[in-house]
Amino acid sequence: MRKTRSDCTVGTFEKKHGLPAGSIRNVNGRDTRSDKKIGTIRKEAQKRK
């Protein structure tokens, strides 16, 4: 499977992969906003390392 594009939003990603709303979570445990981009999540993950 190919890597998801970085300009895809969380809401679109959840719909595309058949996930329920709120499946993708922030570090603190709250669900991520549906208009947040996948690229932003990847940048935040790189910062934490």
PDB file of N, CA and C in Angstrom:
ATOM      1  N   MET A   1       0.847  -1.179   0.000  1.00  0.00           N
ATOM      2  CA  MET A   1       0.000   0.000   0.000  1.00  0.00           C
ATOM      3  C   MET A   1       0.892   1.241   0.000  1.00  0.00           C
ATOM      4  N   ARG A   2       0.459   2.245  -0.710  1.00  0.00           N
ATOM      5  CA  ARG A   2       1.226   3.484  -0.812  1.00  0.00           C
ATOM      6  C   ARG A   2       1.022   4.358   0.415  1.00  0.00           C
ATOM      7  N   LYS A   3       1.971   5.250   0.642  1.00  0.00           N
ATOM      8  CA  LYS A   3       1.898   6.211   1.737  1.00  0.00           C
ATOM      9  C   LYS A   3       0.813   7.245   1.416  1.00  0.00           C
ATOM     10  N   THR A   4       0.059   7.651   2.417  1.00  0.00           N
ATOM     11  CA  THR A   4      -1.009   8.632   2.241  1.00  0.00           C
ATOM     12  C   THR A   4      -0.418  10.004   1.966  1.00  0.00           C
ATOM     13  N   ARG A   5      -1.041  10.744   1.080  1.00  0.00           N
ATOM     14  CA  ARG A   5      -0.559  12.091   0.749  1.00  0.00           C
ATOM     15  C   ARG A   5      -0.607  12.986   1.979  1.00  0.00           C
ATOM     16  N   SER A   6       0.337  13.910   2.063  1.00  0.00           N
ATOM     17  CA  SER A   6       0.423  14.768   3.238  1.00  0.00           C
ATOM     18  C   SER A   6      -0.647  15.858   3.245  1.00  0.00           C
ATOM     19  N   ASP A   7      -1.258  16.160   2.102  1.00  0.00           N
ATOM     20  CA  ASP A   7      -2.299  17.197   2.077  1.00  0.00           C
ATOM     21  C   ASP A   7      -3.695  16.629   2.293  1.00  0.00           C
ATOM     22  N   CYS A   8      -3.798  15.337   2.588  1.00  0.00           N
ATOM     23  CA  CYS A   8      -5.075  14.694   2.906  1.00  0.00           C
ATOM     24  C   CYS A   8      -5.469  15.085   4.338  1.00  0.00           C
ATOM     25  N   THR A   9      -6.750  15.322   4.560  1.00  0.00           N
ATOM     26  CA  THR A   9      -7.195  15.680   5.908  1.00  0.00           C
ATOM     27  C   THR A   9      -7.549  14.424   6.704  1.00  0.00           C
ATOM     28  N   VAL A  10      -7.613  14.581   8.007  1.00  0.00           N
ATOM     29  CA  VAL A  10      -7.924  13.455   8.894  1.00  0.00           C
ATOM     30  C   VAL A  10      -9.321  12.909   8.594  1.00  0.00           C
ATOM     31  N   GLY A  11     -10.289  13.776   8.358  1.00  0.00           N
ATOM     32  CA  GLY A  11     -11.646  13.341   8.062  1.00  0.00           C
ATOM     33  C   GLY A  11     -11.715  12.505   6.798  1.00  0.00           C
ATOM     34  N   THR A  12     -11.020  12.940   5.757  1.00  0.00           N
ATOM     35  CA  THR A  12     -10.988  12.200   4.500  1.00  0.00           C
ATOM     36  C   THR A  12     -10.298  10.863   4.681  1.00  0.00           C
ATOM     37  N   PHE A  13      -9.203  10.853   5.443  1.00  0.00           N
ATOM     38  CA  PHE A  13      -8.459   9.618   5.693  1.00  0.00           C
ATOM     39  C   PHE A  13      -9.334   8.598   6.414  1.00  0.00           C
ATOM     40  N   GLU A  14     -10.079   9.046   7.419  1.00  0.00           N
ATOM     41  CA  GLU A  14     -10.949   8.141   8.172  1.00  0.00           C
ATOM     42  C   GLU A  14     -12.046   7.560   7.282  1.00  0.00           C
ATOM     43  N   LYS A  15     -12.645   8.387   6.436  1.00  0.00           N
ATOM     44  CA  LYS A  15     -13.691   7.909   5.531  1.00  0.00           C
ATOM     45  C   LYS A  15     -13.124   6.921   4.516  1.00  0.00           C
ATOM     46  N   LYS A  16     -11.963   7.249   3.947  1.00  0.00           N
ATOM     47  CA  LYS A  16     -11.348   6.436   2.909  1.00  0.00           C
ATOM     48  C   LYS A  16     -11.003   5.037   3.419  1.00  0.00           C
ATOM     49  N   HIS A  17     -10.546   4.958   4.658  1.00  0.00           N
ATOM     50  CA  HIS A  17     -10.117   3.684   5.224  1.00  0.00           C
ATOM     51  C   HIS A  17     -11.191   3.014   6.075  1.00  0.00           C
ATOM     52  N   GLY A  18     -12.387   3.591   6.114  1.00  0.00           N
ATOM     53  CA  GLY A  18     -13.506   2.978   6.831  1.00  0.00           C
ATOM     54  C   GLY A  18     -13.372   3.025   8.338  1.00  0.00           C
ATOM     55  N   LEU A  19     -12.676   4.032   8.853  1.00  0.00           N
ATOM     56  CA  LEU A  19     -12.497   4.178  10.296  1.00  0.00           C
ATOM     57  C   LEU A  19     -13.623   5.027  10.878  1.00  0.00           C
ATOM     58  N   PRO A  20     -14.036   4.763  12.109  1.00  0.00           N
ATOM     59  CA  PRO A  20     -15.041   5.622  12.732  1.00  0.00           C
ATOM     60  C   PRO A  20     -14.462   7.004  13.053  1.00  0.00           C
ATOM     61  N   ALA A  21     -15.306   8.001  13.098  1.00  0.00           N
ATOM     62  CA  ALA A  21     -14.856   9.361  13.407  1.00  0.00           C
ATOM     63  C   ALA A  21     -14.212   9.394  14.785  1.00  0.00           C
ATOM     64  N   GLY A  22     -13.086  10.077  14.904  1.00  0.00           N
ATOM     65  CA  GLY A  22     -12.377  10.182  16.172  1.00  0.00           C
ATOM     66  C   GLY A  22     -11.363   9.082  16.393  1.00  0.00           C
ATOM     67  N   SER A  23     -11.064   8.296  15.371  1.00  0.00           N
ATOM     68  CA  SER A  23     -10.097   7.202  15.515  1.00  0.00           C
ATOM     69  C   SER A  23      -8.675   7.715  15.685  1.00  0.00           C
ATOM     70  N   ILE A  24      -8.351   8.783  14.981  1.00  0.00           N
ATOM     71  CA  ILE A  24      -7.004   9.349  15.075  1.00  0.00           C
ATOM     72  C   ILE A  24      -6.986  10.317  16.246  1.00  0.00           C
ATOM     73  N   ARG A  25      -6.048  10.097  17.155  1.00  0.00           N
ATOM     74  CA  ARG A  25      -5.993  10.863  18.401  1.00  0.00           C
ATOM     75  C   ARG A  25      -4.741  11.721  18.493  1.00  0.00           C
ATOM     76  N   ASN A  26      -4.812  12.794  19.262  1.00  0.00           N
ATOM     77  CA  ASN A  26      -3.646  13.610  19.584  1.00  0.00           C
ATOM     78  C   ASN A  26      -2.832  12.906  20.661  1.00  0.00           C
ATOM     79  N   VAL A  27      -1.683  13.463  21.002  1.00  0.00           N
ATOM     80  CA  VAL A  27      -0.814  12.878  22.026  1.00  0.00           C
ATOM     81  C   VAL A  27      -1.509  12.832  23.381  1.00  0.00           C
ATOM     82  N   ASN A  28      -2.311  13.844  23.673  1.00  0.00           N
ATOM     83  CA  ASN A  28      -2.973  13.912  24.980  1.00  0.00           C
ATOM     84  C   ASN A  28      -4.219  13.033  25.068  1.00  0.00           C
ATOM     85  N   GLY A  29      -4.578  12.317  23.987  1.00  0.00           N
ATOM     86  CA  GLY A  29      -5.699  11.400  24.037  1.00  0.00           C
ATOM     87  C   GLY A  29      -6.991  11.927  23.425  1.00  0.00           C
ATOM     88  N   ARG A  30      -7.074  13.214  23.174  1.00  0.00           N
ATOM     89  CA  ARG A  30      -8.278  13.772  22.559  1.00  0.00           C
ATOM     90  C   ARG A  30      -8.269  13.479  21.069  1.00  0.00           C
ATOM     91  N   ASP A  31      -9.456  13.397  20.471  1.00  0.00           N
ATOM     92  CA  ASP A  31      -9.496  13.123  19.031  1.00  0.00           C
ATOM     93  C   ASP A  31      -9.031  14.342  18.234  1.00  0.00           C
ATOM     94  N   THR A  32      -8.401  14.077  17.105  1.00  0.00           N
ATOM     95  CA  THR A  32      -7.830  15.122  16.257  1.00  0.00           C
ATOM     96  C   THR A  32      -8.931  15.777  15.431  1.00  0.00           C
ATOM     97  N   ARG A  33      -8.792  17.065  15.169  1.00  0.00           N
ATOM     98  CA  ARG A  33      -9.756  17.779  14.332  1.00  0.00           C
ATOM     99  C   ARG A  33      -9.801  17.150  12.946  1.00  0.00           C
ATOM    100  N   SER A  34     -10.962  17.110  12.343  1.00  0.00           N
ATOM    101  CA  SER A  34     -11.115  16.449  11.043  1.00  0.00           C
ATOM    102  C   SER A  34     -10.490  17.248   9.902  1.00  0.00           C
ATOM    103  N   ASP A  35     -10.243  18.550  10.109  1.00  0.00           N
ATOM    104  CA  ASP A  35      -9.636  19.346   9.039  1.00  0.00           C
ATOM    105  C   ASP A  35      -8.112  19.460   9.180  1.00  0.00           C
ATOM    106  N   LYS A  36      -7.531  18.757  10.117  1.00  0.00           N
ATOM    107  CA  LYS A  36      -6.076  18.748  10.292  1.00  0.00           C
ATOM    108  C   LYS A  36      -5.455  17.873   9.201  1.00  0.00           C
ATOM    109  N   LYS A  37      -4.328  18.301   8.659  1.00  0.00           N
ATOM    110  CA  LYS A  37      -3.704  17.568   7.566  1.00  0.00           C
ATOM    111  C   LYS A  37      -2.755  16.492   8.090  1.00  0.00           C
ATOM    112  N   ILE A  38      -2.622  15.428   7.314  1.00  0.00           N
ATOM    113  CA  ILE A  38      -1.753  14.313   7.679  1.00  0.00           C
ATOM    114  C   ILE A  38      -0.297  14.789   7.775  1.00  0.00           C
ATOM    115  N   GLY A  39       0.101  15.720   6.907  1.00  0.00           N
ATOM    116  CA  GLY A  39       1.461  16.267   6.930  1.00  0.00           C
ATOM    117  C   GLY A  39       1.781  16.941   8.254  1.00  0.00           C
ATOM    118  N   THR A  40       0.816  17.623   8.830  1.00  0.00           N
ATOM    119  CA  THR A  40       1.006  18.284  10.117  1.00  0.00           C
ATOM    120  C   THR A  40       1.217  17.261  11.224  1.00  0.00           C
ATOM    121  N   ILE A  41       0.475  16.170  11.173  1.00  0.00           N
ATOM    122  CA  ILE A  41       0.626  15.103  12.170  1.00  0.00           C
ATOM    123  C   ILE A  41       2.016  14.488  12.071  1.00  0.00           C
ATOM    124  N   ARG A  42       2.493  14.295  10.839  1.00  0.00           N
ATOM    125  CA  ARG A  42       3.839  13.735  10.637  1.00  0.00           C
ATOM    126  C   ARG A  42       4.914  14.669  11.173  1.00  0.00           C
ATOM    127  N   LYS A  43       4.756  15.994  10.955  1.00  0.00           N
ATOM    128  CA  LYS A  43       5.731  16.962  11.463  1.00  0.00           C
ATOM    129  C   LYS A  43       5.770  16.940  12.982  1.00  0.00           C
ATOM    130  N   GLU A  44       4.600  16.869  13.614  1.00  0.00           N
ATOM    131  CA  GLU A  44       4.532  16.819  15.079  1.00  0.00           C
ATOM    132  C   GLU A  44       5.209  15.551  15.610  1.00  0.00           C
ATOM    133  N   ALA A  45       5.053  14.444  14.910  1.00  0.00           N
ATOM    134  CA  ALA A  45       5.677  13.198  15.323  1.00  0.00           C
ATOM    135  C   ALA A  45       7.199  13.287  15.215  1.00  0.00           C
ATOM    136  N   GLN A  46       7.699  13.965  14.190  1.00  0.00           N
ATOM    137  CA  GLN A  46       9.143  14.130  14.034  1.00  0.00           C
ATOM    138  C   GLN A  46       9.720  15.020  15.140  1.00  0.00           C
ATOM    139  N   LYS A  47       8.957  16.029  15.552  1.00  0.00           N
ATOM    140  CA  LYS A  47       9.400  16.935  16.619  1.00  0.00           C
ATOM    141  C   LYS A  47       9.585  16.192  17.939  1.00  0.00           C
ATOM    142  N   ARG A  48       8.685  15.247  18.215  1.00  0.00           N
ATOM    143  CA  ARG A  48       8.721  14.511  19.486  1.00  0.00           C
ATOM    144  C   ARG A  48       9.915  13.590  19.587  1.00  0.00           C
ATOM    145  N   LYS A  49      10.492  13.200  18.466  1.00  0.00           N
ATOM    146  CA  LYS A  49      11.618  12.256  18.505  1.00  0.00           C
ATOM    147  C   LYS A  49      12.888  12.881  18.985  1.00  0.00           C
TER     148      LYS A  49
END
